N, C-alpha and C. Protein backbone atom coordinates (compact mmCIF):
# COMPACT_ATOMS: atom_id res chain seq x y z
N UNK A 1 234.53 247.91 101.92
CA UNK A 1 235.98 248.34 101.86
C UNK A 1 236.92 247.20 101.67
N UNK A 2 237.95 247.47 100.92
CA UNK A 2 238.92 246.47 100.68
C UNK A 2 239.89 246.31 101.88
N UNK A 3 240.20 244.94 102.10
CA UNK A 3 241.05 244.77 103.27
C UNK A 3 242.32 243.92 102.80
N UNK A 4 243.36 244.05 103.52
CA UNK A 4 244.46 243.13 103.26
C UNK A 4 245.15 242.90 104.65
N UNK A 5 245.69 241.68 104.70
CA UNK A 5 246.46 241.39 105.86
C UNK A 5 248.08 241.39 105.60
N UNK A 6 248.73 241.92 106.54
CA UNK A 6 250.10 242.21 106.32
C UNK A 6 250.86 241.73 107.51
N UNK A 7 251.94 240.78 107.12
CA UNK A 7 252.93 240.42 108.14
C UNK A 7 254.25 241.12 107.84
N UNK A 8 254.56 241.44 106.54
CA UNK A 8 255.82 242.10 106.18
C UNK A 8 255.56 243.56 106.16
N UNK A 9 256.63 244.24 105.70
CA UNK A 9 256.57 245.70 105.67
C UNK A 9 255.58 246.18 104.58
N UNK A 10 254.81 247.31 104.95
CA UNK A 10 253.95 247.85 103.94
C UNK A 10 254.61 249.00 103.21
N UNK A 11 254.16 249.32 101.95
CA UNK A 11 254.75 250.36 101.29
C UNK A 11 253.72 251.27 100.73
N UNK A 12 254.07 252.55 100.62
CA UNK A 12 253.14 253.57 99.98
C UNK A 12 253.85 254.72 99.29
N UNK A 13 253.11 255.44 98.54
CA UNK A 13 253.94 256.66 97.90
C UNK A 13 254.04 257.67 98.91
N UNK A 14 255.13 258.37 98.93
CA UNK A 14 255.52 259.44 99.96
C UNK A 14 256.17 260.51 99.21
N UNK A 15 255.84 261.70 99.34
CA UNK A 15 256.47 262.90 98.75
C UNK A 15 256.28 264.11 99.53
N UNK A 16 257.08 265.11 99.29
CA UNK A 16 257.09 266.36 100.19
C UNK A 16 256.90 267.53 99.31
N UNK A 17 256.73 267.45 97.95
CA UNK A 17 256.67 268.64 97.17
C UNK A 17 255.16 268.89 96.96
N UNK A 18 254.77 270.21 96.93
CA UNK A 18 253.43 270.65 96.74
C UNK A 18 253.36 271.52 95.50
N UNK A 19 252.34 271.49 94.78
CA UNK A 19 252.16 272.18 93.54
C UNK A 19 250.98 273.15 93.76
N UNK A 20 251.11 274.39 93.48
CA UNK A 20 249.99 275.37 93.57
C UNK A 20 249.43 275.65 92.26
N UNK A 21 249.98 275.13 91.11
CA UNK A 21 249.41 275.33 89.78
C UNK A 21 249.90 274.17 88.89
N UNK A 22 249.34 274.14 87.73
CA UNK A 22 249.65 273.07 86.76
C UNK A 22 251.16 273.19 86.50
N UNK A 23 251.85 272.03 86.39
CA UNK A 23 253.26 272.12 86.08
C UNK A 23 253.51 272.49 84.69
N UNK A 24 254.62 273.15 84.53
CA UNK A 24 255.05 273.61 83.18
C UNK A 24 255.52 272.37 82.48
N UNK A 25 255.64 272.59 81.06
CA UNK A 25 256.11 271.43 80.20
C UNK A 25 257.49 271.00 80.62
N UNK A 26 257.80 269.69 80.78
CA UNK A 26 259.04 269.20 81.18
C UNK A 26 259.24 269.08 82.71
N UNK A 27 258.17 269.56 83.45
CA UNK A 27 258.29 269.50 84.89
C UNK A 27 258.54 268.17 85.49
N UNK A 28 257.76 267.09 84.86
CA UNK A 28 257.91 265.77 85.42
C UNK A 28 259.32 265.14 85.08
N UNK A 29 259.97 265.73 83.98
CA UNK A 29 261.30 265.20 83.79
C UNK A 29 262.27 265.60 84.84
N UNK A 30 262.13 266.93 85.22
CA UNK A 30 262.97 267.46 86.26
C UNK A 30 262.67 267.04 87.64
N UNK A 31 261.38 266.57 87.86
CA UNK A 31 260.81 266.25 89.06
C UNK A 31 260.15 264.84 88.95
N UNK A 32 260.80 263.86 88.82
CA UNK A 32 260.29 262.47 88.66
C UNK A 32 259.43 262.13 89.94
N UNK A 33 258.48 261.16 89.78
CA UNK A 33 257.64 260.72 90.92
C UNK A 33 258.50 260.11 92.03
N UNK A 34 258.29 260.44 93.32
CA UNK A 34 259.08 259.91 94.30
C UNK A 34 259.21 258.39 94.35
N UNK A 35 260.25 257.84 94.83
CA UNK A 35 260.39 256.44 94.98
C UNK A 35 259.47 255.89 96.05
N UNK A 36 259.09 254.67 95.88
CA UNK A 36 258.24 253.98 96.92
C UNK A 36 259.04 253.90 98.24
N UNK A 37 258.34 254.31 99.30
CA UNK A 37 258.94 254.28 100.64
C UNK A 37 258.17 253.41 101.57
N UNK A 38 258.78 252.86 102.61
CA UNK A 38 258.15 252.03 103.55
C UNK A 38 257.21 252.83 104.36
N UNK A 39 255.89 252.23 104.49
CA UNK A 39 254.91 252.88 105.35
C UNK A 39 255.25 252.94 106.79
N UNK A 40 255.77 251.84 107.24
CA UNK A 40 256.33 251.79 108.53
C UNK A 40 257.49 250.80 108.62
N UNK A 41 258.31 250.98 109.60
CA UNK A 41 259.63 250.35 109.58
C UNK A 41 259.70 249.09 110.45
N UNK A 42 258.58 248.64 110.84
CA UNK A 42 258.60 247.40 111.66
C UNK A 42 259.09 246.20 110.90
N UNK A 43 260.04 245.42 111.43
CA UNK A 43 260.62 244.31 110.55
C UNK A 43 259.52 243.20 110.76
N UNK A 44 259.49 242.44 109.57
CA UNK A 44 258.63 241.24 109.59
C UNK A 44 258.97 240.29 110.80
N UNK A 45 258.01 239.57 111.14
CA UNK A 45 258.12 238.63 112.27
C UNK A 45 257.34 237.46 112.09
N UNK A 46 257.94 236.22 112.31
CA UNK A 46 257.13 234.98 112.02
C UNK A 46 256.15 234.73 113.13
N UNK A 47 256.36 235.36 114.33
CA UNK A 47 255.41 235.13 115.47
C UNK A 47 254.27 236.10 115.44
N UNK A 48 254.22 237.08 114.57
CA UNK A 48 253.20 238.02 114.49
C UNK A 48 253.55 239.23 115.26
N UNK A 49 252.85 240.35 114.95
CA UNK A 49 253.00 241.56 115.67
C UNK A 49 252.22 241.59 116.96
N UNK A 50 252.57 242.51 117.80
CA UNK A 50 252.03 242.69 119.06
C UNK A 50 251.22 244.01 119.22
N UNK A 51 250.40 244.14 120.24
CA UNK A 51 249.71 245.37 120.44
C UNK A 51 250.72 246.61 120.55
N UNK A 52 251.92 246.28 121.16
CA UNK A 52 252.88 247.34 121.32
C UNK A 52 253.47 247.81 119.97
N UNK A 53 253.62 246.81 119.03
CA UNK A 53 254.02 247.19 117.65
C UNK A 53 252.94 248.02 117.00
N UNK A 54 251.67 247.61 117.17
CA UNK A 54 250.50 248.33 116.65
C UNK A 54 250.45 249.77 117.11
N UNK A 55 250.71 250.00 118.35
CA UNK A 55 250.64 251.20 118.88
C UNK A 55 251.75 252.21 118.49
N UNK A 56 252.80 251.63 117.94
CA UNK A 56 253.93 252.37 117.47
C UNK A 56 253.83 252.86 115.97
N UNK A 57 252.68 252.35 115.36
CA UNK A 57 252.54 252.73 113.93
C UNK A 57 252.23 254.25 113.82
N UNK A 58 252.77 254.79 112.73
CA UNK A 58 252.52 256.25 112.47
C UNK A 58 251.00 256.41 111.92
N UNK A 59 250.55 257.57 111.87
CA UNK A 59 249.25 257.90 111.35
C UNK A 59 249.48 257.84 109.80
N UNK A 60 248.68 257.00 109.11
CA UNK A 60 248.88 256.87 107.66
C UNK A 60 247.79 257.14 106.72
N UNK A 61 246.52 257.41 107.39
CA UNK A 61 245.33 257.55 106.57
C UNK A 61 244.61 256.30 106.30
N UNK A 62 245.19 255.11 106.60
CA UNK A 62 244.45 253.94 106.51
C UNK A 62 243.94 253.47 107.92
N UNK A 63 242.96 252.62 107.84
CA UNK A 63 242.33 252.06 109.14
C UNK A 63 243.15 250.76 109.34
N UNK A 64 243.99 250.75 110.46
CA UNK A 64 244.83 249.53 110.64
C UNK A 64 244.42 248.87 112.04
N UNK A 65 244.11 247.64 111.94
CA UNK A 65 243.78 246.95 113.18
C UNK A 65 244.81 245.76 113.27
N UNK A 66 244.93 245.24 114.45
CA UNK A 66 245.80 244.10 114.76
C UNK A 66 244.84 242.95 115.08
N UNK A 67 244.79 241.89 114.33
CA UNK A 67 244.06 240.70 114.63
C UNK A 67 244.85 239.50 114.37
N UNK A 68 245.05 238.64 115.38
CA UNK A 68 245.85 237.44 115.33
C UNK A 68 247.20 237.76 114.90
N UNK A 69 247.86 238.79 115.40
CA UNK A 69 249.26 239.00 114.95
C UNK A 69 249.48 239.63 113.70
N UNK A 70 248.42 239.83 112.89
CA UNK A 70 248.50 240.48 111.55
C UNK A 70 247.99 241.81 111.55
N UNK A 71 248.45 242.75 110.76
CA UNK A 71 247.95 244.09 110.52
C UNK A 71 246.81 243.86 109.43
N UNK A 72 245.54 244.31 109.85
CA UNK A 72 244.46 244.34 108.88
C UNK A 72 244.20 245.73 108.43
N UNK A 73 244.46 245.98 107.21
CA UNK A 73 244.45 247.38 106.63
C UNK A 73 243.24 247.63 105.65
N UNK A 74 242.56 248.70 105.89
CA UNK A 74 241.45 249.07 105.08
C UNK A 74 241.37 250.59 104.87
N UNK A 75 240.76 251.02 103.77
CA UNK A 75 240.65 252.49 103.58
C UNK A 75 239.79 253.05 104.69
N UNK A 76 239.66 254.35 104.81
CA UNK A 76 238.78 254.99 105.81
C UNK A 76 237.31 254.65 105.30
N UNK A 77 236.25 254.62 106.19
CA UNK A 77 234.97 254.28 105.73
C UNK A 77 234.36 255.23 104.74
N UNK A 78 233.40 254.66 103.94
CA UNK A 78 232.62 255.56 102.97
C UNK A 78 231.77 256.48 103.81
N UNK A 79 231.20 257.49 103.10
CA UNK A 79 230.51 258.52 103.78
C UNK A 79 229.18 257.96 104.48
N UNK A 80 228.54 256.99 103.92
CA UNK A 80 227.28 256.50 104.57
C UNK A 80 227.65 255.83 105.89
N UNK A 81 228.77 255.19 105.94
CA UNK A 81 229.25 254.49 107.06
C UNK A 81 229.62 255.58 108.22
N UNK A 82 230.37 256.58 107.69
CA UNK A 82 230.83 257.69 108.64
C UNK A 82 229.65 258.43 109.16
N UNK A 83 228.65 258.68 108.37
CA UNK A 83 227.46 259.36 108.77
C UNK A 83 226.78 258.63 109.78
N UNK A 84 226.54 257.35 109.59
CA UNK A 84 225.83 256.52 110.55
C UNK A 84 226.63 256.45 111.84
N UNK A 85 227.89 256.21 111.90
CA UNK A 85 228.63 256.15 113.13
C UNK A 85 228.54 257.56 113.78
N UNK A 86 228.67 258.61 113.10
CA UNK A 86 228.64 259.93 113.68
C UNK A 86 227.34 260.29 114.36
N UNK A 87 226.20 259.90 113.66
CA UNK A 87 224.92 260.10 114.30
C UNK A 87 224.69 259.23 115.42
N UNK A 88 225.07 258.02 115.40
CA UNK A 88 225.00 257.11 116.58
C UNK A 88 225.76 257.66 117.77
N UNK A 89 226.98 258.15 117.54
CA UNK A 89 227.69 258.74 118.66
C UNK A 89 226.92 259.94 119.25
N UNK A 90 226.33 260.76 118.39
CA UNK A 90 225.57 261.94 118.88
C UNK A 90 224.32 261.53 119.74
N UNK A 91 223.68 260.49 119.35
CA UNK A 91 222.50 260.03 120.01
C UNK A 91 222.99 259.47 121.40
N UNK A 92 224.01 258.70 121.44
CA UNK A 92 224.52 258.06 122.68
C UNK A 92 225.02 259.08 123.62
N UNK A 93 225.77 260.07 123.08
CA UNK A 93 226.44 261.11 123.89
C UNK A 93 225.42 261.99 124.55
N UNK A 94 224.29 262.28 123.80
CA UNK A 94 223.12 263.08 124.36
C UNK A 94 222.50 262.36 125.46
N UNK A 95 222.48 261.03 125.48
CA UNK A 95 221.79 260.29 126.59
C UNK A 95 222.70 259.87 127.70
N UNK A 96 224.04 259.89 127.48
CA UNK A 96 225.00 259.39 128.40
C UNK A 96 225.10 260.24 129.75
N UNK A 97 225.06 259.58 130.89
CA UNK A 97 225.45 260.23 132.14
C UNK A 97 226.84 260.82 132.14
N UNK A 98 227.11 261.71 133.11
CA UNK A 98 228.39 262.41 133.01
C UNK A 98 229.60 261.50 133.18
N UNK A 99 229.37 260.33 133.78
CA UNK A 99 230.50 259.47 134.02
C UNK A 99 231.02 258.68 132.74
N UNK A 100 230.31 258.93 131.64
CA UNK A 100 230.70 258.28 130.44
C UNK A 100 230.90 259.39 129.36
N UNK A 101 231.89 258.93 128.36
CA UNK A 101 232.12 259.72 127.14
C UNK A 101 231.83 258.80 125.94
N UNK A 102 231.66 259.38 124.86
CA UNK A 102 231.31 258.50 123.65
C UNK A 102 232.23 259.14 122.49
N UNK A 103 232.98 258.28 121.91
CA UNK A 103 233.92 258.69 120.85
C UNK A 103 233.79 257.79 119.61
N UNK A 104 234.29 258.25 118.44
CA UNK A 104 234.33 257.41 117.27
C UNK A 104 235.77 256.98 117.08
N UNK A 105 235.87 255.73 116.49
CA UNK A 105 237.11 255.19 115.93
C UNK A 105 238.26 255.30 116.84
N UNK A 106 238.10 254.93 118.12
CA UNK A 106 239.19 254.95 119.14
C UNK A 106 239.97 253.63 119.10
N UNK A 107 241.27 253.70 119.40
CA UNK A 107 242.03 252.49 119.45
C UNK A 107 241.61 251.81 120.74
N UNK A 108 241.54 250.44 120.67
CA UNK A 108 241.14 249.61 121.85
C UNK A 108 241.86 248.40 121.96
N UNK A 109 242.59 248.18 123.18
CA UNK A 109 243.22 246.98 123.39
C UNK A 109 242.22 245.87 123.72
N UNK A 110 242.22 244.86 122.98
CA UNK A 110 241.27 243.70 123.16
C UNK A 110 242.03 242.42 123.31
N UNK A 111 242.44 242.01 124.46
CA UNK A 111 243.34 240.87 124.61
C UNK A 111 244.71 241.18 123.92
N UNK A 112 245.07 240.31 122.99
CA UNK A 112 246.33 240.53 122.23
C UNK A 112 246.08 241.19 120.89
N UNK A 113 244.78 241.67 120.65
CA UNK A 113 244.44 242.31 119.44
C UNK A 113 244.37 243.86 119.74
N UNK A 114 244.47 244.57 118.62
CA UNK A 114 244.25 246.09 118.56
C UNK A 114 243.09 246.38 117.64
N UNK A 115 241.96 246.77 118.12
CA UNK A 115 240.84 246.99 117.32
C UNK A 115 240.35 248.43 117.38
N UNK A 116 239.62 248.73 116.30
CA UNK A 116 239.02 250.19 116.16
C UNK A 116 237.62 250.09 116.04
N UNK A 117 236.80 250.07 117.04
CA UNK A 117 235.36 250.01 116.94
C UNK A 117 234.96 251.46 116.24
N UNK A 118 233.74 251.36 115.60
CA UNK A 118 233.19 252.61 115.03
C UNK A 118 232.79 253.62 116.16
N UNK A 119 232.26 253.13 117.22
CA UNK A 119 231.90 253.92 118.40
C UNK A 119 232.17 253.21 119.58
N UNK A 120 232.70 254.00 120.46
CA UNK A 120 233.15 253.50 121.88
C UNK A 120 232.42 254.30 122.95
N UNK A 121 231.79 253.59 123.94
CA UNK A 121 231.33 254.26 125.12
C UNK A 121 232.23 253.84 126.28
N UNK A 122 232.81 254.82 126.95
CA UNK A 122 233.83 254.36 128.06
C UNK A 122 233.70 255.31 129.16
N UNK A 123 234.43 254.94 130.18
CA UNK A 123 234.40 255.73 131.47
C UNK A 123 235.08 257.15 131.08
N UNK A 124 234.47 258.17 131.52
CA UNK A 124 234.92 259.45 131.13
C UNK A 124 236.46 259.74 131.60
N UNK A 125 236.66 259.36 132.79
CA UNK A 125 238.03 259.49 133.35
C UNK A 125 239.07 258.89 132.52
N UNK A 126 238.86 257.70 132.04
CA UNK A 126 239.93 257.06 131.19
C UNK A 126 239.97 257.72 129.88
N UNK A 127 239.01 258.13 129.24
CA UNK A 127 239.00 258.76 127.82
C UNK A 127 239.56 260.16 128.05
N UNK A 128 239.19 260.97 129.00
CA UNK A 128 239.70 262.29 129.12
C UNK A 128 241.18 262.34 129.58
N UNK A 129 241.77 261.23 129.95
CA UNK A 129 243.24 261.13 130.19
C UNK A 129 243.97 261.12 128.97
N UNK A 130 243.30 260.98 127.84
CA UNK A 130 244.02 261.07 126.56
C UNK A 130 244.97 259.88 126.20
N UNK A 131 244.58 258.71 126.46
CA UNK A 131 245.53 257.54 126.06
C UNK A 131 245.50 257.35 124.55
N UNK A 132 246.59 256.70 124.07
CA UNK A 132 246.59 256.35 122.67
C UNK A 132 245.61 255.18 122.44
N UNK A 133 245.45 254.34 123.44
CA UNK A 133 244.50 253.34 123.31
C UNK A 133 243.77 253.00 124.66
N UNK A 134 242.46 252.65 124.65
CA UNK A 134 241.83 252.31 125.86
C UNK A 134 241.94 250.93 126.09
N UNK A 135 241.86 250.47 127.45
CA UNK A 135 241.83 249.09 127.80
C UNK A 135 240.28 248.74 127.73
N UNK A 136 240.14 247.51 127.46
CA UNK A 136 238.71 246.95 127.43
C UNK A 136 237.98 247.12 128.72
N UNK A 137 238.73 247.15 129.80
CA UNK A 137 238.10 247.35 131.09
C UNK A 137 237.48 248.78 131.32
N UNK A 138 238.00 249.63 130.49
CA UNK A 138 237.50 251.10 130.52
C UNK A 138 236.19 251.37 129.63
N UNK A 139 235.80 250.28 128.98
CA UNK A 139 234.70 250.40 128.02
C UNK A 139 233.52 249.64 128.36
N UNK A 140 232.26 250.21 128.21
CA UNK A 140 231.10 249.64 128.58
C UNK A 140 230.22 249.28 127.30
N UNK A 141 230.64 249.78 126.23
CA UNK A 141 229.83 249.50 124.94
C UNK A 141 230.69 249.77 123.77
N UNK A 142 230.65 248.99 122.75
CA UNK A 142 231.29 249.21 121.46
C UNK A 142 230.23 249.01 120.37
N UNK A 143 230.30 249.78 119.30
CA UNK A 143 229.41 249.65 118.12
C UNK A 143 230.22 249.46 116.86
N UNK A 144 229.73 248.56 116.00
CA UNK A 144 230.30 248.40 114.66
C UNK A 144 229.37 248.61 113.55
N UNK A 145 229.64 249.40 112.76
CA UNK A 145 228.79 249.78 111.39
C UNK A 145 229.35 248.71 110.37
N UNK A 146 228.54 247.88 109.95
CA UNK A 146 229.04 246.75 109.03
C UNK A 146 229.50 247.28 107.70
N UNK A 147 230.67 246.95 107.36
CA UNK A 147 231.16 247.45 106.03
C UNK A 147 230.75 246.53 104.89
N UNK A 148 230.61 247.00 103.74
CA UNK A 148 230.17 246.15 102.65
C UNK A 148 231.30 245.16 102.25
N UNK A 149 230.90 244.06 101.57
CA UNK A 149 231.87 243.05 101.05
C UNK A 149 231.88 241.84 102.15
N UNK A 150 232.04 240.64 101.49
CA UNK A 150 232.13 239.43 102.27
C UNK A 150 233.13 239.48 103.42
N UNK A 151 234.38 239.79 103.09
CA UNK A 151 235.42 239.77 104.18
C UNK A 151 234.99 240.71 105.30
N UNK A 152 234.60 241.95 104.89
CA UNK A 152 234.34 242.91 105.96
C UNK A 152 233.07 242.51 106.85
N UNK A 153 232.03 241.87 106.15
CA UNK A 153 230.85 241.43 106.91
C UNK A 153 231.31 240.29 107.89
N UNK A 154 232.19 239.37 107.41
CA UNK A 154 232.64 238.34 108.31
C UNK A 154 233.40 238.85 109.51
N UNK A 155 234.25 239.94 109.34
CA UNK A 155 234.90 240.58 110.39
C UNK A 155 233.95 241.10 111.42
N UNK A 156 232.89 241.84 110.94
CA UNK A 156 231.89 242.55 111.89
C UNK A 156 230.97 241.59 112.47
N UNK A 157 230.74 240.39 111.82
CA UNK A 157 229.70 239.49 112.38
C UNK A 157 230.39 238.31 113.14
N UNK A 158 231.49 237.88 112.75
CA UNK A 158 232.03 236.58 113.32
C UNK A 158 233.44 236.77 113.93
N UNK A 159 234.23 237.74 113.51
CA UNK A 159 235.59 237.79 114.04
C UNK A 159 235.68 238.81 115.29
N UNK A 160 235.13 240.02 115.20
CA UNK A 160 235.31 241.00 116.28
C UNK A 160 234.36 240.67 117.49
N UNK A 161 233.14 240.41 117.33
CA UNK A 161 232.27 240.28 118.43
C UNK A 161 232.71 239.32 119.48
N UNK A 162 233.20 238.09 119.22
CA UNK A 162 233.71 237.17 120.25
C UNK A 162 235.00 237.75 120.99
N UNK A 163 235.75 238.60 120.30
CA UNK A 163 236.85 239.16 121.05
C UNK A 163 236.47 240.20 121.99
N UNK A 164 235.40 241.05 121.56
CA UNK A 164 234.89 242.02 122.57
C UNK A 164 234.34 241.34 123.75
N UNK A 165 233.60 240.18 123.44
CA UNK A 165 232.98 239.38 124.56
C UNK A 165 234.02 238.91 125.55
N UNK A 166 235.03 238.26 124.98
CA UNK A 166 236.15 237.62 125.71
C UNK A 166 236.84 238.69 126.62
N UNK A 167 236.82 239.93 126.15
CA UNK A 167 237.50 240.98 126.90
C UNK A 167 236.59 241.52 128.01
N UNK A 168 235.26 241.13 128.01
CA UNK A 168 234.42 241.58 129.11
C UNK A 168 233.64 242.88 128.83
N UNK A 169 233.60 243.30 127.54
CA UNK A 169 232.78 244.50 127.25
C UNK A 169 231.32 244.17 127.32
N UNK A 170 230.52 244.86 128.24
CA UNK A 170 229.20 244.50 128.52
C UNK A 170 228.28 244.52 127.30
N UNK A 171 228.34 245.55 126.48
CA UNK A 171 227.37 245.79 125.43
C UNK A 171 228.04 245.92 123.98
N UNK A 172 227.48 245.19 123.06
CA UNK A 172 227.97 245.30 121.70
C UNK A 172 226.75 245.60 120.79
N UNK A 173 226.87 246.59 119.98
CA UNK A 173 225.96 247.05 118.97
C UNK A 173 226.47 246.86 117.58
N UNK A 174 225.57 246.42 116.71
CA UNK A 174 226.00 246.09 115.33
C UNK A 174 224.86 246.90 114.46
N UNK A 175 225.40 247.66 113.50
CA UNK A 175 224.38 248.35 112.69
C UNK A 175 224.74 247.92 111.19
N UNK A 176 223.69 247.42 110.48
CA UNK A 176 223.86 246.93 109.19
C UNK A 176 223.07 247.89 108.24
N UNK A 177 223.82 248.42 107.20
CA UNK A 177 223.25 249.21 106.26
C UNK A 177 222.74 248.62 104.89
N UNK A 178 222.89 247.33 104.84
CA UNK A 178 222.47 246.60 103.61
C UNK A 178 221.33 245.76 103.89
N UNK A 179 220.41 245.64 102.82
CA UNK A 179 219.27 244.87 102.86
C UNK A 179 217.99 245.55 103.34
N UNK A 180 216.87 244.78 103.48
CA UNK A 180 215.57 245.35 103.71
C UNK A 180 215.45 245.96 105.11
N UNK A 181 214.81 247.12 105.29
CA UNK A 181 214.57 247.72 106.51
C UNK A 181 215.80 248.29 107.19
N UNK A 182 216.80 248.64 106.39
CA UNK A 182 217.99 249.24 106.93
C UNK A 182 217.87 250.81 107.11
N UNK A 183 218.62 251.24 108.10
CA UNK A 183 219.54 250.70 108.95
C UNK A 183 218.88 249.72 109.92
N UNK A 184 219.52 248.59 110.23
CA UNK A 184 219.02 247.57 111.16
C UNK A 184 220.03 247.57 112.35
N UNK A 185 219.56 247.67 113.51
CA UNK A 185 220.48 247.68 114.75
C UNK A 185 220.21 246.45 115.59
N UNK A 186 221.22 245.74 116.02
CA UNK A 186 221.21 244.68 116.90
C UNK A 186 221.98 245.03 118.14
N UNK A 187 221.48 244.78 119.38
CA UNK A 187 222.13 245.00 120.50
C UNK A 187 222.26 243.71 121.29
N UNK A 188 223.56 243.48 121.79
CA UNK A 188 223.88 242.28 122.44
C UNK A 188 224.37 242.54 123.86
N UNK A 189 223.94 241.79 124.87
CA UNK A 189 224.49 241.90 126.21
C UNK A 189 225.37 240.68 126.52
N UNK A 190 226.36 241.01 127.24
CA UNK A 190 227.29 239.91 127.57
C UNK A 190 226.77 238.84 128.55
N UNK A 191 226.71 237.60 128.10
CA UNK A 191 226.21 236.55 128.93
C UNK A 191 227.42 235.90 129.69
N UNK A 192 227.14 234.70 130.00
CA UNK A 192 228.29 233.91 130.70
C UNK A 192 229.46 233.68 129.98
N UNK A 193 229.28 233.41 128.66
CA UNK A 193 230.37 233.05 127.79
C UNK A 193 230.47 233.90 126.50
N UNK A 194 229.35 234.38 126.03
CA UNK A 194 229.25 235.04 124.81
C UNK A 194 228.19 236.19 124.92
N UNK A 195 228.04 236.87 123.82
CA UNK A 195 226.91 237.87 123.67
C UNK A 195 225.69 237.26 123.38
N UNK A 196 224.60 237.79 123.90
CA UNK A 196 223.22 237.34 123.74
C UNK A 196 222.47 238.45 123.26
N UNK A 197 221.60 238.21 122.15
CA UNK A 197 220.72 239.28 121.63
C UNK A 197 219.85 239.83 122.68
N UNK A 198 219.84 241.08 122.89
CA UNK A 198 218.96 241.75 123.81
C UNK A 198 217.89 242.56 123.19
N UNK A 199 218.08 243.14 122.03
CA UNK A 199 217.09 244.02 121.23
C UNK A 199 217.58 244.16 119.91
N UNK A 200 216.57 244.38 119.08
CA UNK A 200 216.87 244.57 117.67
C UNK A 200 215.79 245.53 117.05
N UNK A 201 216.10 246.32 116.13
CA UNK A 201 214.98 247.16 115.49
C UNK A 201 215.56 247.64 114.09
N UNK A 202 214.62 247.73 113.23
CA UNK A 202 214.86 248.18 111.78
C UNK A 202 214.36 249.60 111.59
N UNK A 203 214.69 250.24 110.51
CA UNK A 203 214.24 251.55 110.27
C UNK A 203 212.72 251.62 110.34
N UNK A 204 212.20 252.68 110.96
CA UNK A 204 210.83 252.84 111.01
C UNK A 204 210.19 252.32 112.34
N UNK A 205 210.99 251.71 113.15
CA UNK A 205 210.56 251.30 114.54
C UNK A 205 211.53 251.90 115.61
N UNK A 206 211.19 251.76 116.79
CA UNK A 206 211.88 252.29 117.80
C UNK A 206 212.75 251.30 118.60
N UNK A 207 214.02 251.53 118.78
CA UNK A 207 214.90 250.71 119.59
C UNK A 207 215.04 251.29 120.98
N UNK A 208 214.71 250.64 122.00
CA UNK A 208 214.78 251.08 123.35
C UNK A 208 215.83 250.25 124.09
N UNK A 209 216.78 250.91 124.74
CA UNK A 209 217.80 250.27 125.39
C UNK A 209 217.94 250.62 126.81
N UNK A 210 218.30 249.74 127.74
CA UNK A 210 218.61 250.10 129.13
C UNK A 210 220.04 250.00 129.52
N UNK A 211 220.86 249.42 128.70
CA UNK A 211 222.25 249.34 128.97
C UNK A 211 223.03 249.84 127.57
N UNK A 212 224.10 250.60 127.79
CA UNK A 212 224.81 250.96 129.02
C UNK A 212 224.06 252.02 129.90
N UNK A 213 223.06 252.70 129.19
CA UNK A 213 222.21 253.64 129.90
C UNK A 213 220.97 253.73 129.07
N UNK A 214 219.79 254.20 129.59
CA UNK A 214 218.56 254.23 128.87
C UNK A 214 218.62 255.22 127.63
N UNK A 215 218.22 254.74 126.51
CA UNK A 215 218.15 255.47 125.31
C UNK A 215 217.23 254.86 124.30
N UNK A 216 216.45 255.71 123.57
CA UNK A 216 215.61 255.17 122.58
C UNK A 216 215.69 255.94 121.30
N UNK A 217 215.72 255.31 120.08
CA UNK A 217 215.70 256.01 118.82
C UNK A 217 215.30 255.05 117.63
N UNK A 218 214.82 255.72 116.59
CA UNK A 218 214.53 254.96 115.37
C UNK A 218 215.76 254.78 114.54
N UNK A 219 216.19 253.60 114.19
CA UNK A 219 217.32 253.45 113.39
C UNK A 219 217.35 254.19 112.13
N UNK A 220 216.25 254.70 111.66
CA UNK A 220 216.13 255.47 110.37
C UNK A 220 216.95 256.76 110.50
N UNK A 221 217.05 257.31 111.78
CA UNK A 221 217.73 258.54 111.88
C UNK A 221 219.25 258.51 111.64
N UNK A 222 219.71 257.24 111.57
CA UNK A 222 221.18 257.17 111.51
C UNK A 222 221.71 257.44 109.97
N UNK A 223 220.77 257.47 109.01
CA UNK A 223 221.10 257.63 107.66
C UNK A 223 220.14 258.69 107.08
N UNK A 224 220.43 259.07 105.88
CA UNK A 224 219.44 259.91 105.12
C UNK A 224 219.41 261.30 105.68
N UNK A 225 218.37 262.17 105.20
CA UNK A 225 218.29 263.56 105.52
C UNK A 225 218.10 263.58 106.98
N UNK A 226 218.63 264.72 107.58
CA UNK A 226 218.42 264.90 109.05
C UNK A 226 216.88 265.31 109.25
N UNK A 227 216.45 264.73 110.45
CA UNK A 227 215.09 264.93 110.91
C UNK A 227 215.09 265.98 112.05
N UNK A 228 214.21 267.02 111.99
CA UNK A 228 214.23 268.00 113.00
C UNK A 228 212.93 267.95 113.85
């Protein structure tokens, strides 16, 4: 997915007219395309945006995270990505004790950043309260499905994991859909200063976890035809 970093105002097309049929000849002359409008009205800032700024953004259809004071904008995930995260959520939710809930693409405060993991396992009480964003202290596991492209892979491999670790999230899962033996799942547990690899498995093998709760599955079930 394409990414861009934004410190100034973003713009997009915005219109409120709907057409139920093909327009008649001359319709575009009488109804010119709408002028470009600001996507959000936050003024540019030399010091960078804050989590509070991020939480004030309207819903736009883009995936917007806050990293190092900049908005990182990307389209919504492709269907293979969405399928993988949806199936992972279902597997984890089925195994989770009642004190946990499992959600997709939830806003998460991570220090001074605002991140959107593909899957979040958190304390049920915190999630059911319906916050706009969870605090890292309410989360026991996050999962990222690696997006294609050099910039996206760098984000999921080198940028986001250390931030999750610094925020004290106990378990980090990464699912890679590219390369041999995919899907490939890596699971990391929080060590003294950083994540440490605890388990890994590729399609056709079984991944067995004991944190954040016991669960076993073959990564192959995360993509492709459903298995009954």
